[in-house]
């Protein structure tokens, strides 16, 4: 809120096309994990 639209939201808000926004969202979806101290 208070910032310009970006990343495909315009196509959804203007035409109901969710594909561009989901392409962006999907590109930021995946794996994130730290590793614990290493036993050697």
ModelCIF file with pLDDT and N, C-alpha, C, O atoms, coordinates in Angstrom:
data_MODEL
#
_entry.id   MODEL 
#
_entity.id                         1 
_entity.type                       polymer 
_entity.pdbx_number_of_molecules   1 
#
_entity_poly.entity_id                      1 
_entity_poly.type                           'polypeptide(L)' 
_entity_poly.nstd_linkage                   no 
_entity_poly.nstd_monomer                   no 
_entity_poly.pdbx_seq_one_letter_code       
;(UNK)(UNK)(UNK)(UNK)(UNK)(UNK)(UNK)(UNK)(UNK)(UNK)(UNK)(UNK)(UNK)(UNK)(UNK)(UNK)
(UNK)(UNK)(UNK)(UNK)(UNK)(UNK)(UNK)(UNK)(UNK)(UNK)(UNK)(UNK)(UNK)(UNK)(UNK)(UNK)
(UNK)(UNK)(UNK)(UNK)(UNK)(UNK)(UNK)(UNK)
;
_entity_poly.pdbx_seq_one_letter_code_can   XXXXXXXXXXXXXXXXXXXXXXXXXXXXXXXXXXXXXXXX 
_entity_poly.pdbx_strand_id                 A 
#
loop_
_entity_poly_seq.entity_id 
_entity_poly_seq.num 
_entity_poly_seq.mon_id 
_entity_poly_seq.hetero 
1 1  UNK n 
1 2  UNK n 
1 3  UNK n 
1 4  UNK n 
1 5  UNK n 
1 6  UNK n 
1 7  UNK n 
1 8  UNK n 
1 9  UNK n 
1 10 UNK n 
1 11 UNK n 
1 12 UNK n 
1 13 UNK n 
1 14 UNK n 
1 15 UNK n 
1 16 UNK n 
1 17 UNK n 
1 18 UNK n 
1 19 UNK n 
1 20 UNK n 
1 21 UNK n 
1 22 UNK n 
1 23 UNK n 
1 24 UNK n 
1 25 UNK n 
1 26 UNK n 
1 27 UNK n 
1 28 UNK n 
1 29 UNK n 
1 30 UNK n 
1 31 UNK n 
1 32 UNK n 
1 33 UNK n 
1 34 UNK n 
1 35 UNK n 
1 36 UNK n 
1 37 UNK n 
1 38 UNK n 
1 39 UNK n 
1 40 UNK n 
#
_struct_asym.id          A 
_struct_asym.entity_id   1 
#
loop_
_ma_qa_metric.id 
_ma_qa_metric.mode 
_ma_qa_metric.name 
_ma_qa_metric.software_group_id 
_ma_qa_metric.type 
1 global pLDDT . pLDDT 
2 local  pLDDT . pLDDT 
#
_ma_qa_metric_global.metric_id      1 
_ma_qa_metric_global.metric_value   96.50 
_ma_qa_metric_global.model_id       1 
_ma_qa_metric_global.ordinal_id     1 
#
loop_
_ma_qa_metric_local.label_asym_id 
_ma_qa_metric_local.label_comp_id 
_ma_qa_metric_local.label_seq_id 
_ma_qa_metric_local.metric_id 
_ma_qa_metric_local.metric_value 
_ma_qa_metric_local.model_id 
_ma_qa_metric_local.ordinal_id 
A UNK 1  2 98.00 1 1  
A UNK 2  2 98.00 1 2  
A UNK 3  2 98.00 1 3  
A UNK 4  2 98.00 1 4  
A UNK 5  2 98.00 1 5  
A UNK 6  2 97.00 1 6  
A UNK 7  2 98.00 1 7  
A UNK 8  2 98.00 1 8  
A UNK 9  2 98.00 1 9  
A UNK 10 2 98.00 1 10 
A UNK 11 2 98.00 1 11 
A UNK 12 2 98.00 1 12 
A UNK 13 2 98.00 1 13 
A UNK 14 2 98.00 1 14 
A UNK 15 2 97.00 1 15 
A UNK 16 2 97.00 1 16 
A UNK 17 2 98.00 1 17 
A UNK 18 2 98.00 1 18 
A UNK 19 2 98.00 1 19 
A UNK 20 2 98.00 1 20 
A UNK 21 2 98.00 1 21 
A UNK 22 2 98.00 1 22 
A UNK 23 2 98.00 1 23 
A UNK 24 2 98.00 1 24 
A UNK 25 2 98.00 1 25 
A UNK 26 2 98.00 1 26 
A UNK 27 2 97.00 1 27 
A UNK 28 2 97.00 1 28 
A UNK 29 2 97.00 1 29 
A UNK 30 2 95.00 1 30 
A UNK 31 2 94.00 1 31 
A UNK 32 2 93.00 1 32 
A UNK 33 2 91.00 1 33 
A UNK 34 2 90.00 1 34 
A UNK 35 2 91.00 1 35 
A UNK 36 2 91.00 1 36 
A UNK 37 2 92.00 1 37 
A UNK 38 2 94.00 1 38 
A UNK 39 2 96.00 1 39 
A UNK 40 2 97.00 1 40 
#
loop_
_atom_site.group_PDB 
_atom_site.id 
_atom_site.type_symbol 
_atom_site.label_atom_id 
_atom_site.label_alt_id 
_atom_site.label_comp_id 
_atom_site.label_asym_id 
_atom_site.label_entity_id 
_atom_site.label_seq_id 
_atom_site.pdbx_PDB_ins_code 
_atom_site.Cartn_x 
_atom_site.Cartn_y 
_atom_site.Cartn_z 
_atom_site.occupancy 
_atom_site.B_iso_or_equiv 
_atom_site.pdbx_formal_charge 
_atom_site.auth_seq_id 
_atom_site.auth_comp_id 
_atom_site.auth_asym_id 
_atom_site.auth_atom_id 
_atom_site.pdbx_PDB_model_num 
ATOM 1   N N  . UNK A 1 1  ? 0.838  -1.197  0.000   1.00 98.00 ? 1  UNK A N  1 
ATOM 2   C CA . UNK A 1 1  ? 0.000  0.000   0.000   1.00 98.00 ? 1  UNK A CA 1 
ATOM 3   C C  . UNK A 1 1  ? 0.872  1.245   0.000   1.00 98.00 ? 1  UNK A C  1 
ATOM 4   O O  . UNK A 1 1  ? 1.854  1.333   0.737   1.00 98.00 ? 1  UNK A O  1 
ATOM 5   N N  . UNK A 1 2  ? 0.495  2.218   -0.847  1.00 98.00 ? 2  UNK A N  1 
ATOM 6   C CA . UNK A 1 2  ? 1.262  3.443   -0.951  1.00 98.00 ? 2  UNK A CA 1 
ATOM 7   C C  . UNK A 1 2  ? 2.396  3.390   -1.938  1.00 98.00 ? 2  UNK A C  1 
ATOM 8   O O  . UNK A 1 2  ? 3.078  4.392   -2.152  1.00 98.00 ? 2  UNK A O  1 
ATOM 9   N N  . UNK A 1 3  ? 2.614  2.237   -2.546  1.00 98.00 ? 3  UNK A N  1 
ATOM 10  C CA . UNK A 1 3  ? 3.657  2.061   -3.551  1.00 98.00 ? 3  UNK A CA 1 
ATOM 11  C C  . UNK A 1 3  ? 3.029  1.731   -4.900  1.00 98.00 ? 3  UNK A C  1 
ATOM 12  O O  . UNK A 1 3  ? 1.913  1.212   -4.936  1.00 98.00 ? 3  UNK A O  1 
ATOM 13  N N  . UNK A 1 4  ? 3.713  2.017   -6.018  1.00 98.00 ? 4  UNK A N  1 
ATOM 14  C CA . UNK A 1 4  ? 3.170  1.653   -7.327  1.00 98.00 ? 4  UNK A CA 1 
ATOM 15  C C  . UNK A 1 4  ? 3.000  0.144   -7.463  1.00 98.00 ? 4  UNK A C  1 
ATOM 16  O O  . UNK A 1 4  ? 3.736  -0.631  -6.852  1.00 98.00 ? 4  UNK A O  1 
ATOM 17  N N  . UNK A 1 5  ? 2.048  -0.254  -8.249  1.00 98.00 ? 5  UNK A N  1 
ATOM 18  C CA . UNK A 1 5  ? 1.838  -1.666  -8.531  1.00 98.00 ? 5  UNK A CA 1 
ATOM 19  C C  . UNK A 1 5  ? 3.031  -2.243  -9.286  1.00 98.00 ? 5  UNK A C  1 
ATOM 20  O O  . UNK A 1 5  ? 3.772  -1.511  -9.943  1.00 98.00 ? 5  UNK A O  1 
ATOM 21  N N  . UNK A 1 6  ? 3.211  -3.562  -9.187  1.00 97.00 ? 6  UNK A N  1 
ATOM 22  C CA . UNK A 1 6  ? 4.367  -4.189  -9.835  1.00 97.00 ? 6  UNK A CA 1 
ATOM 23  C C  . UNK A 1 6  ? 4.120  -5.681  -10.004 1.00 97.00 ? 6  UNK A C  1 
ATOM 24  O O  . UNK A 1 6  ? 3.182  -6.247  -9.442  1.00 97.00 ? 6  UNK A O  1 
ATOM 25  N N  . UNK A 1 7  ? 4.995  -6.300  -10.799 1.00 98.00 ? 7  UNK A N  1 
ATOM 26  C CA . UNK A 1 7  ? 5.124  -7.767  -10.862 1.00 98.00 ? 7  UNK A CA 1 
ATOM 27  C C  . UNK A 1 7  ? 3.885  -8.493  -11.371 1.00 98.00 ? 7  UNK A C  1 
ATOM 28  O O  . UNK A 1 7  ? 3.618  -9.621  -10.955 1.00 98.00 ? 7  UNK A O  1 
ATOM 29  N N  . UNK A 1 8  ? 3.133  -7.868  -12.256 1.00 98.00 ? 8  UNK A N  1 
ATOM 30  C CA . UNK A 1 8  ? 1.991  -8.547  -12.869 1.00 98.00 ? 8  UNK A CA 1 
ATOM 31  C C  . UNK A 1 8  ? 0.668  -8.303  -12.182 1.00 98.00 ? 8  UNK A C  1 
ATOM 32  O O  . UNK A 1 8  ? -0.357 -8.811  -12.636 1.00 98.00 ? 8  UNK A O  1 
ATOM 33  N N  . UNK A 1 9  ? 0.653  -7.534  -11.092 1.00 98.00 ? 9  UNK A N  1 
ATOM 34  C CA . UNK A 1 9  ? -0.617 -7.257  -10.409 1.00 98.00 ? 9  UNK A CA 1 
ATOM 35  C C  . UNK A 1 9  ? -1.549 -6.451  -11.292 1.00 98.00 ? 9  UNK A C  1 
ATOM 36  O O  . UNK A 1 9  ? -2.766 -6.607  -11.199 1.00 98.00 ? 9  UNK A O  1 
ATOM 37  N N  . UNK A 1 10 ? -1.009 -5.588  -12.152 1.00 98.00 ? 10 UNK A N  1 
ATOM 38  C CA . UNK A 1 10 ? -1.857 -4.767  -13.017 1.00 98.00 ? 10 UNK A CA 1 
ATOM 39  C C  . UNK A 1 10 ? -2.728 -5.626  -13.920 1.00 98.00 ? 10 UNK A C  1 
ATOM 40  O O  . UNK A 1 10 ? -3.911 -5.333  -14.093 1.00 98.00 ? 10 UNK A O  1 
ATOM 41  N N  . UNK A 1 11 ? -2.165 -6.679  -14.496 1.00 98.00 ? 11 UNK A N  1 
ATOM 42  C CA . UNK A 1 11 ? -2.961 -7.538  -15.377 1.00 98.00 ? 11 UNK A CA 1 
ATOM 43  C C  . UNK A 1 11 ? -4.093 -8.218  -14.622 1.00 98.00 ? 11 UNK A C  1 
ATOM 44  O O  . UNK A 1 11 ? -5.167 -8.445  -15.179 1.00 98.00 ? 11 UNK A O  1 
ATOM 45  N N  . UNK A 1 12 ? -3.854 -8.542  -13.359 1.00 98.00 ? 12 UNK A N  1 
ATOM 46  C CA . UNK A 1 12 ? -4.923 -9.125  -12.551 1.00 98.00 ? 12 UNK A CA 1 
ATOM 47  C C  . UNK A 1 12 ? -5.968 -8.069  -12.210 1.00 98.00 ? 12 UNK A C  1 
ATOM 48  O O  . UNK A 1 12 ? -7.164 -8.319  -12.358 1.00 98.00 ? 12 UNK A O  1 
ATOM 49  N N  . UNK A 1 13 ? -5.534 -6.888  -11.754 1.00 98.00 ? 13 UNK A N  1 
ATOM 50  C CA . UNK A 1 13 ? -6.460 -5.858  -11.293 1.00 98.00 ? 13 UNK A CA 1 
ATOM 51  C C  . UNK A 1 13 ? -7.273 -5.251  -12.437 1.00 98.00 ? 13 UNK A C  1 
ATOM 52  O O  . UNK A 1 13 ? -8.415 -4.842  -12.229 1.00 98.00 ? 13 UNK A O  1 
ATOM 53  N N  . UNK A 1 14 ? -6.700 -5.188  -13.645 1.00 98.00 ? 14 UNK A N  1 
ATOM 54  C CA . UNK A 1 14 ? -7.389 -4.575  -14.766 1.00 98.00 ? 14 UNK A CA 1 
ATOM 55  C C  . UNK A 1 14 ? -8.171 -5.570  -15.610 1.00 98.00 ? 14 UNK A C  1 
ATOM 56  O O  . UNK A 1 14 ? -9.211 -5.224  -16.170 1.00 98.00 ? 14 UNK A O  1 
ATOM 57  N N  . UNK A 1 15 ? -7.678 -6.812  -15.707 1.00 97.00 ? 15 UNK A N  1 
ATOM 58  C CA . UNK A 1 15 ? -8.292 -7.764  -16.636 1.00 97.00 ? 15 UNK A CA 1 
ATOM 59  C C  . UNK A 1 15 ? -8.583 -9.124  -16.016 1.00 97.00 ? 15 UNK A C  1 
ATOM 60  O O  . UNK A 1 15 ? -9.102 -10.007 -16.699 1.00 97.00 ? 15 UNK A O  1 
ATOM 61  N N  . UNK A 1 16 ? -8.262 -9.314  -14.739 1.00 97.00 ? 16 UNK A N  1 
ATOM 62  C CA . UNK A 1 16 ? -8.529 -10.605 -14.111 1.00 97.00 ? 16 UNK A CA 1 
ATOM 63  C C  . UNK A 1 16 ? -7.589 -11.694 -14.557 1.00 97.00 ? 16 UNK A C  1 
ATOM 64  O O  . UNK A 1 16 ? -7.872 -12.875 -14.353 1.00 97.00 ? 16 UNK A O  1 
ATOM 65  N N  . UNK A 1 17 ? -6.467 -11.323 -15.166 1.00 98.00 ? 17 UNK A N  1 
ATOM 66  C CA . UNK A 1 17 ? -5.483 -12.302 -15.651 1.00 98.00 ? 17 UNK A CA 1 
ATOM 67  C C  . UNK A 1 17 ? -4.458 -12.546 -14.550 1.00 98.00 ? 17 UNK A C  1 
ATOM 68  O O  . UNK A 1 17 ? -3.617 -11.689 -14.281 1.00 98.00 ? 17 UNK A O  1 
ATOM 69  N N  . UNK A 1 18 ? -4.527 -13.720 -13.910 1.00 98.00 ? 18 UNK A N  1 
ATOM 70  C CA . UNK A 1 18 ? -3.634 -13.999 -12.783 1.00 98.00 ? 18 UNK A CA 1 
ATOM 71  C C  . UNK A 1 18 ? -2.301 -14.610 -13.201 1.00 98.00 ? 18 UNK A C  1 
ATOM 72  O O  . UNK A 1 18 ? -1.431 -14.814 -12.354 1.00 98.00 ? 18 UNK A O  1 
ATOM 73  N N  . UNK A 1 19 ? -2.120 -14.906 -14.486 1.00 98.00 ? 19 UNK A N  1 
ATOM 74  C CA . UNK A 1 19 ? -0.902 -15.611 -14.924 1.00 98.00 ? 19 UNK A CA 1 
ATOM 75  C C  . UNK A 1 19 ? 0.378  -14.809 -14.710 1.00 98.00 ? 19 UNK A C  1 
ATOM 76  O O  . UNK A 1 19 ? 1.328  -15.357 -14.150 1.00 98.00 ? 19 UNK A O  1 
ATOM 77  N N  . UNK A 1 20 ? 0.460  -13.543 -15.122 1.00 98.00 ? 20 UNK A N  1 
ATOM 78  C CA . UNK A 1 20 ? 1.723  -12.818 -14.907 1.00 98.00 ? 20 UNK A CA 1 
ATOM 79  C C  . UNK A 1 20 ? 2.101  -12.690 -13.440 1.00 98.00 ? 20 UNK A C  1 
ATOM 80  O O  . UNK A 1 20 ? 3.265  -12.866 -13.083 1.00 98.00 ? 20 UNK A O  1 
ATOM 81  N N  . UNK A 1 21 ? 1.126  -12.384 -12.585 1.00 98.00 ? 21 UNK A N  1 
ATOM 82  C CA . UNK A 1 21 ? 1.429  -12.266 -11.160 1.00 98.00 ? 21 UNK A CA 1 
ATOM 83  C C  . UNK A 1 21 ? 1.886  -13.605 -10.603 1.00 98.00 ? 21 UNK A C  1 
ATOM 84  O O  . UNK A 1 21 ? 2.823  -13.654 -9.806  1.00 98.00 ? 21 UNK A O  1 
ATOM 85  N N  . UNK A 1 22 ? 1.237  -14.696 -11.012 1.00 98.00 ? 22 UNK A N  1 
ATOM 86  C CA . UNK A 1 22 ? 1.651  -15.988 -10.482 1.00 98.00 ? 22 UNK A CA 1 
ATOM 87  C C  . UNK A 1 22 ? 3.028  -16.389 -10.974 1.00 98.00 ? 22 UNK A C  1 
ATOM 88  O O  . UNK A 1 22 ? 3.768  -17.057 -10.252 1.00 98.00 ? 22 UNK A O  1 
ATOM 89  N N  . UNK A 1 23 ? 3.384  -15.996 -12.180 1.00 98.00 ? 23 UNK A N  1 
ATOM 90  C CA . UNK A 1 23 ? 4.741  -16.268 -12.664 1.00 98.00 ? 23 UNK A CA 1 
ATOM 91  C C  . UNK A 1 23 ? 5.769  -15.644 -11.727 1.00 98.00 ? 23 UNK A C  1 
ATOM 92  O O  . UNK A 1 23 ? 6.781  -16.262 -11.397 1.00 98.00 ? 23 UNK A O  1 
ATOM 93  N N  . UNK A 1 24 ? 5.496  -14.409 -11.303 1.00 98.00 ? 24 UNK A N  1 
ATOM 94  C CA . UNK A 1 24 ? 6.390  -13.739 -10.362 1.00 98.00 ? 24 UNK A CA 1 
ATOM 95  C C  . UNK A 1 24 ? 6.380  -14.426 -9.003  1.00 98.00 ? 24 UNK A C  1 
ATOM 96  O O  . UNK A 1 24 ? 7.436  -14.705 -8.436  1.00 98.00 ? 24 UNK A O  1 
ATOM 97  N N  . UNK A 1 25 ? 5.189  -14.698 -8.482  1.00 98.00 ? 25 UNK A N  1 
ATOM 98  C CA . UNK A 1 25 ? 5.070  -15.329 -7.160  1.00 98.00 ? 25 UNK A CA 1 
ATOM 99  C C  . UNK A 1 25 ? 5.745  -16.701 -7.156  1.00 98.00 ? 25 UNK A C  1 
ATOM 100 O O  . UNK A 1 25 ? 6.453  -17.047 -6.210  1.00 98.00 ? 25 UNK A O  1 
ATOM 101 N N  . UNK A 1 26 ? 5.529  -17.461 -8.194  1.00 98.00 ? 26 UNK A N  1 
ATOM 102 C CA . UNK A 1 26 ? 6.120  -18.803 -8.270  1.00 98.00 ? 26 UNK A CA 1 
ATOM 103 C C  . UNK A 1 26 ? 7.637  -18.731 -8.308  1.00 98.00 ? 26 UNK A C  1 
ATOM 104 O O  . UNK A 1 26 ? 8.312  -19.606 -7.767  1.00 98.00 ? 26 UNK A O  1 
ATOM 105 N N  . UNK A 1 27 ? 8.180  -17.699 -8.942  1.00 97.00 ? 27 UNK A N  1 
ATOM 106 C CA . UNK A 1 27 ? 9.638  -17.564 -9.018  1.00 97.00 ? 27 UNK A CA 1 
ATOM 107 C C  . UNK A 1 27 ? 10.253 -17.277 -7.656  1.00 97.00 ? 27 UNK A C  1 
ATOM 108 O O  . UNK A 1 27 ? 11.454 -17.468 -7.466  1.00 97.00 ? 27 UNK A O  1 
ATOM 109 N N  . UNK A 1 28 ? 9.441  -16.819 -6.708  1.00 97.00 ? 28 UNK A N  1 
ATOM 110 C CA . UNK A 1 28 ? 9.908  -16.551 -5.352  1.00 97.00 ? 28 UNK A CA 1 
ATOM 111 C C  . UNK A 1 28 ? 9.479  -17.626 -4.355  1.00 97.00 ? 28 UNK A C  1 
ATOM 112 O O  . UNK A 1 28 ? 9.616  -17.449 -3.145  1.00 97.00 ? 28 UNK A O  1 
ATOM 113 N N  . UNK A 1 29 ? 8.965  -18.730 -4.868  1.00 97.00 ? 29 UNK A N  1 
ATOM 114 C CA . UNK A 1 29 ? 8.495  -19.833 -4.026  1.00 97.00 ? 29 UNK A CA 1 
ATOM 115 C C  . UNK A 1 29 ? 9.447  -21.008 -4.165  1.00 97.00 ? 29 UNK A C  1 
ATOM 116 O O  . UNK A 1 29 ? 9.810  -21.399 -5.274  1.00 97.00 ? 29 UNK A O  1 
ATOM 117 N N  . UNK A 1 30 ? 9.850  -21.568 -3.030  1.00 95.00 ? 30 UNK A N  1 
ATOM 118 C CA . UNK A 1 30 ? 10.770 -22.704 -3.097  1.00 95.00 ? 30 UNK A CA 1 
ATOM 119 C C  . UNK A 1 30 ? 11.360 -23.029 -1.752  1.00 95.00 ? 30 UNK A C  1 
ATOM 120 O O  . UNK A 1 30 ? 10.641 -23.082 -0.754  1.00 95.00 ? 30 UNK A O  1 
ATOM 121 N N  . UNK A 1 31 ? 12.660 -23.249 -1.706  1.00 94.00 ? 31 UNK A N  1 
ATOM 122 C CA . UNK A 1 31 ? 13.325 -23.772 -0.514  1.00 94.00 ? 31 UNK A CA 1 
ATOM 123 C C  . UNK A 1 31 ? 14.111 -22.677 0.190   1.00 94.00 ? 31 UNK A C  1 
ATOM 124 O O  . UNK A 1 31 ? 14.790 -21.859 -0.432  1.00 94.00 ? 31 UNK A O  1 
ATOM 125 N N  . UNK A 1 32 ? 13.994 -22.696 1.492   1.00 93.00 ? 32 UNK A N  1 
ATOM 126 C CA . UNK A 1 32 ? 14.797 -21.845 2.368   1.00 93.00 ? 32 UNK A CA 1 
ATOM 127 C C  . UNK A 1 32 ? 15.085 -22.659 3.617   1.00 93.00 ? 32 UNK A C  1 
ATOM 128 O O  . UNK A 1 32 ? 14.157 -23.094 4.300   1.00 93.00 ? 32 UNK A O  1 
ATOM 129 N N  . UNK A 1 33 ? 16.350 -22.870 3.922   1.00 91.00 ? 33 UNK A N  1 
ATOM 130 C CA . UNK A 1 33 ? 16.680 -23.574 5.161   1.00 91.00 ? 33 UNK A CA 1 
ATOM 131 C C  . UNK A 1 33 ? 18.111 -23.288 5.580   1.00 91.00 ? 33 UNK A C  1 
ATOM 132 O O  . UNK A 1 33 ? 19.014 -23.287 4.744   1.00 91.00 ? 33 UNK A O  1 
ATOM 133 N N  . UNK A 1 34 ? 18.325 -23.047 6.861   1.00 90.00 ? 34 UNK A N  1 
ATOM 134 C CA . UNK A 1 34 ? 19.688 -23.041 7.379   1.00 90.00 ? 34 UNK A CA 1 
ATOM 135 C C  . UNK A 1 34 ? 20.179 -24.468 7.571   1.00 90.00 ? 34 UNK A C  1 
ATOM 136 O O  . UNK A 1 34 ? 19.389 -25.411 7.553   1.00 90.00 ? 34 UNK A O  1 
ATOM 137 N N  . UNK A 1 35 ? 21.472 -24.621 7.752   1.00 91.00 ? 35 UNK A N  1 
ATOM 138 C CA . UNK A 1 35 ? 22.066 -25.891 8.143   1.00 91.00 ? 35 UNK A CA 1 
ATOM 139 C C  . UNK A 1 35 ? 22.541 -25.770 9.582   1.00 91.00 ? 35 UNK A C  1 
ATOM 140 O O  . UNK A 1 35 ? 22.984 -24.706 10.012  1.00 91.00 ? 35 UNK A O  1 
ATOM 141 N N  . UNK A 1 36 ? 22.447 -26.853 10.309  1.00 91.00 ? 36 UNK A N  1 
ATOM 142 C CA . UNK A 1 36 ? 22.921 -26.846 11.697  1.00 91.00 ? 36 UNK A CA 1 
ATOM 143 C C  . UNK A 1 36 ? 24.443 -26.989 11.735  1.00 91.00 ? 36 UNK A C  1 
ATOM 144 O O  . UNK A 1 36 ? 25.057 -27.274 10.706  1.00 91.00 ? 36 UNK A O  1 
ATOM 145 N N  . UNK A 1 37 ? 25.064 -26.797 12.905  1.00 92.00 ? 37 UNK A N  1 
ATOM 146 C CA . UNK A 1 37 ? 26.501 -27.080 13.033  1.00 92.00 ? 37 UNK A CA 1 
ATOM 147 C C  . UNK A 1 37 ? 26.849 -28.458 12.458  1.00 92.00 ? 37 UNK A C  1 
ATOM 148 O O  . UNK A 1 37 ? 26.088 -29.414 12.607  1.00 92.00 ? 37 UNK A O  1 
ATOM 149 N N  . UNK A 1 38 ? 27.994 -28.542 11.808  1.00 94.00 ? 38 UNK A N  1 
ATOM 150 C CA . UNK A 1 38 ? 28.363 -29.724 11.021  1.00 94.00 ? 38 UNK A CA 1 
ATOM 151 C C  . UNK A 1 38 ? 29.118 -30.738 11.873  1.00 94.00 ? 38 UNK A C  1 
ATOM 152 O O  . UNK A 1 38 ? 30.137 -30.410 12.480  1.00 94.00 ? 38 UNK A O  1 
ATOM 153 N N  . UNK A 1 39 ? 28.615 -31.973 11.915  1.00 96.00 ? 39 UNK A N  1 
ATOM 154 C CA . UNK A 1 39 ? 29.351 -33.074 12.536  1.00 96.00 ? 39 UNK A CA 1 
ATOM 155 C C  . UNK A 1 39 ? 30.290 -33.653 11.489  1.00 96.00 ? 39 UNK A C  1 
ATOM 156 O O  . UNK A 1 39 ? 29.856 -34.013 10.394  1.00 96.00 ? 39 UNK A O  1 
ATOM 157 N N  . UNK A 1 40 ? 31.583 -33.745 11.822  1.00 97.00 ? 40 UNK A N  1 
ATOM 158 C CA . UNK A 1 40 ? 32.592 -34.319 10.932  1.00 97.00 ? 40 UNK A CA 1 
ATOM 159 C C  . UNK A 1 40 ? 33.285 -35.454 11.673  1.00 97.00 ? 40 UNK A C  1 
ATOM 160 O O  . UNK A 1 40 ? 34.181 -36.094 11.122  1.00 97.00 ? 40 UNK A O  1 
#
